[in-house]
C-alpha atoms as a PDB file:
ATOM      1  CA  MET A   1      -0.002   0.000   0.007  1.00  0.00           C
ATOM      2  CA  SER A   2       2.737   2.478   0.868  1.00  0.00           C
ATOM      3  CA  GLN A   3       3.902   2.586  -2.757  1.00  0.00           C
ATOM      4  CA  TYR A   4       0.591   4.079  -3.952  1.00  0.00           C
ATOM      5  CA  PRO A   5      -0.817   6.165  -1.055  1.00  0.00           C
ATOM      6  CA  LYS A   6      -2.766   8.509  -3.347  1.00  0.00           C
ATOM      7  CA  LEU A   7      -4.743   5.587  -4.764  1.00  0.00           C
ATOM      8  CA  TYR A   8      -5.279   3.682  -1.503  1.00  0.00           C
ATOM      9  CA  ASN A   9      -6.302   6.820   0.415  1.00  0.00           C
ATOM     10  CA  SER A  10      -8.908   7.873  -2.146  1.00  0.00           C
ATOM     11  CA  LYS A  11     -12.600   7.874  -1.292  1.00  0.00           C
ATOM     12  CA  ARG A  12     -13.285   5.729  -4.349  1.00  0.00           C
ATOM     13  CA  TRP A  13     -10.882   2.964  -3.201  1.00  0.00           C
ATOM     14  CA  LYS A  14     -12.211   3.042   0.347  1.00  0.00           C
ATOM     15  CA  GLN A  15     -15.699   2.307  -1.010  1.00  0.00           C
ATOM     16  CA  ILE A  16     -14.376  -0.490  -3.283  1.00  0.00           C
ATOM     17  CA  ARG A  17     -12.606  -1.980  -0.268  1.00  0.00           C
ATOM     18  CA  LEU A  18     -15.777  -1.909   1.854  1.00  0.00           C
ATOM     19  CA  ASP A  19     -17.805  -3.471  -0.960  1.00  0.00           C
ATOM     20  CA  THR A  20     -15.186  -6.196  -1.476  1.00  0.00           C
ATOM     21  CA  LEU A  21     -15.022  -7.113   2.215  1.00  0.00           C
ATOM     22  CA  ALA A  22     -18.829  -7.163   2.416  1.00  0.00           C
ATOM     23  CA  ARG A  23     -19.011  -9.488  -0.600  1.00  0.00           C
ATOM     24  CA  ASP A  24     -16.135 -11.716   0.625  1.00  0.00           C
ATOM     25  CA  PRO A  25     -16.293 -11.691   4.433  1.00  0.00           C
ATOM     26  CA  LEU A  26     -14.087 -14.805   4.536  1.00  0.00           C
ATOM     27  CA  CYS A  27     -10.686 -15.050   2.861  1.00  0.00           C
ATOM     28  CA  VAL A  28     -11.194 -16.570  -0.582  1.00  0.00           C
ATOM     29  CA  MET A  29      -7.709 -18.112  -0.481  1.00  0.00           C
ATOM     30  CA  CYS A  30      -8.309 -19.791   2.880  1.00  0.00           C
ATOM     31  CA  ILE A  31     -11.634 -21.193   1.665  1.00  0.00           C
ATOM     32  CA  LYS A  32      -9.778 -22.939  -1.204  1.00  0.00           C
ATOM     33  CA  ILE A  33      -7.700 -24.910   1.314  1.00  0.00           C
ATOM     34  CA  GLY A  34     -10.615 -25.676   3.634  1.00  0.00           C
ATOM     35  CA  ASP A  35      -9.821 -23.033   6.229  1.00  0.00           C
ATOM     36  CA  HIS A  36     -11.715 -19.878   7.212  1.00  0.00           C
ATOM     37  CA  ALA A  37     -10.318 -16.567   8.260  1.00  0.00           C
ATOM     38  CA  PRO A  38     -11.975 -13.168   8.034  1.00  0.00           C
ATOM     39  CA  SER A  39     -11.048 -11.019   5.049  1.00  0.00           C
ATOM     40  CA  THR A  40      -9.221  -7.878   6.061  1.00  0.00           C
ATOM     41  CA  ILE A  41      -7.682  -6.863   2.729  1.00  0.00           C
ATOM     42  CA  ALA A  42      -9.302  -6.061  -0.584  1.00  0.00           C
ATOM     43  CA  ASP A  43      -6.833  -7.631  -2.974  1.00  0.00           C
ATOM     44  CA  HIS A  44      -6.498  -6.888  -6.661  1.00  0.00           C
ATOM     45  CA  VAL A  45      -6.834 -10.231  -8.460  1.00  0.00           C
ATOM     46  CA  GLU A  46      -4.566  -8.934 -11.218  1.00  0.00           C
ATOM     47  CA  PRO A  47      -1.697  -6.673 -10.123  1.00  0.00           C
ATOM     48  CA  HIS A  48      -2.366  -3.013 -10.965  1.00  0.00           C
ATOM     49  CA  ARG A  49       1.248  -1.758 -10.660  1.00  0.00           C
ATOM     50  CA  GLY A  50      -0.001   1.792 -10.278  1.00  0.00           C
ATOM     51  CA  ASN A  51      -2.232   1.787 -13.342  1.00  0.00           C
ATOM     52  CA  GLU A  52      -5.243   3.805 -12.173  1.00  0.00           C
ATOM     53  CA  HIS A  53      -7.692   2.160 -14.554  1.00  0.00           C
ATOM     54  CA  ARG A  54      -6.761  -1.342 -13.354  1.00  0.00           C
ATOM     55  CA  PHE A  55      -6.626  -0.124  -9.750  1.00  0.00           C
ATOM     56  CA  PHE A  56     -10.180   1.170  -9.701  1.00  0.00           C
ATOM     57  CA  ASN A  57     -11.793  -1.132 -12.303  1.00  0.00           C
ATOM     58  CA  GLY A  58      -9.980  -4.427 -11.829  1.00  0.00           C
ATOM     59  CA  ARG A  59     -11.471  -7.416 -10.030  1.00  0.00           C
ATOM     60  CA  THR A  60     -10.918  -7.565  -6.275  1.00  0.00           C
ATOM     61  CA  GLN A  61     -11.222 -10.330  -3.733  1.00  0.00           C
ATOM     62  CA  GLY A  62     -11.303 -10.406   0.055  1.00  0.00           C
ATOM     63  CA  VAL A  63      -8.253 -12.062   1.634  1.00  0.00           C
ATOM     64  CA  CYS A  64      -6.712 -12.260   5.089  1.00  0.00           C
ATOM     65  CA  LYS A  65      -3.396 -10.554   5.767  1.00  0.00           C
ATOM     66  CA  PRO A  66      -1.338 -13.791   5.994  1.00  0.00           C
ATOM     67  CA  CYS A  67      -2.608 -14.990   2.594  1.00  0.00           C
ATOM     68  CA  HIS A  68      -2.043 -11.590   1.040  1.00  0.00           C
ATOM     69  CA  ASP A  69       1.447 -11.163   2.441  1.00  0.00           C
ATOM     70  CA  ARG A  70       2.615 -14.740   1.824  1.00  0.00           C
ATOM     71  CA  HIS A  71       0.740 -16.678  -0.809  1.00  0.00           C
ATOM     72  CA  LYS A  72      -0.437 -13.834  -3.025  1.00  0.00           C
ATOM     73  CA  GLN A  73       2.953 -12.099  -3.090  1.00  0.00           C
ATOM     74  CA  ARG A  74       4.704 -15.384  -3.913  1.00  0.00           C
ATOM     75  CA  GLN A  75       2.170 -16.026  -6.687  1.00  0.00           C
ATOM     76  CA  GLU A  76       2.784 -12.598  -8.213  1.00  0.00           C
ATOM     77  CA  LYS A  77       6.557 -13.138  -8.199  1.00  0.00           C
ATOM     78  CA  SER A  78       6.672 -16.758  -9.378  1.00  0.00           C
ATOM     79  CA  GLY A  79       3.374 -17.123 -11.222  1.00  0.00           C
ATOM     80  CA  ILE A  80       2.549 -20.156  -9.078  1.00  0.00           C
ATOM     81  CA  LEU A  81       0.019 -20.349  -6.269  1.00  0.00           C
ATOM     82  CA  LEU A  82       1.388 -22.840  -3.769  1.00  0.00           C
ATOM     83  CA  GLY A  83      -0.711 -25.129  -1.602  1.00  0.00           C
ATOM     84  CA  GLY A  84      -3.413 -27.685  -1.906  1.00  0.00           C
ATOM     85  CA  ASP A  85      -6.927 -28.269  -0.715  1.00  0.00           C
ATOM     86  CA  ASN A  86      -7.953 -30.847   1.932  1.00  0.00           C
ATOM     87  CA  GLU A  87      -7.597 -33.643  -0.615  1.00  0.00           C
ATOM     88  CA  GLY A  88      -4.139 -32.538  -1.752  1.00  0.00           C
ATOM     89  CA  VAL A  89      -5.300 -31.100  -5.058  1.00  0.00           C
ATOM     90  CA  PRO A  90      -3.224 -28.005  -5.956  1.00  0.00           C
ATOM     91  CA  VAL A  91      -5.147 -24.747  -5.527  1.00  0.00           C
ATOM     92  CA  ASP A  92      -3.339 -23.131  -8.442  1.00  0.00           C
ATOM     93  CA  PRO A  93      -5.879 -23.182 -11.290  1.00  0.00           C
ATOM     94  CA  LEU A  94      -2.992 -23.358 -13.797  1.00  0.00           C
ATOM     95  CA  HIS A  95      -1.462 -26.466 -12.220  1.00  0.00           C
ATOM     96  CA  HIS A  96      -1.495 -29.380 -14.696  1.00  0.00           C
ATOM     97  CA  TRP A  97      -3.583 -31.495 -12.279  1.00  0.00           C
ATOM     98  CA  ASN A  98      -6.387 -28.945 -12.629  1.00  0.00           C
ATOM     99  CA  ASN A  99      -6.468 -29.040 -16.443  1.00  0.00           C
END
């Protein structure tokens, strides 16, 4: 957040965040692995990298801080979402087991 304070501090983003957390009260990443934690972060599904159009118009999802800071960041850097569900099936939709 600190990299784009103008965007994150805007009234428009604050409303998007509230709407996202209301829509996804539980972390969507935790749900995939059979866990449940409250969503505290409105996460951009696709990284915006400061692009205002993508920032305000891109898809968002509610996630918990641990998932955002660990799993999501790793996914953005490597392109792979690590982890599996309760049956051991990889949660990464691009994993060859999910094709």
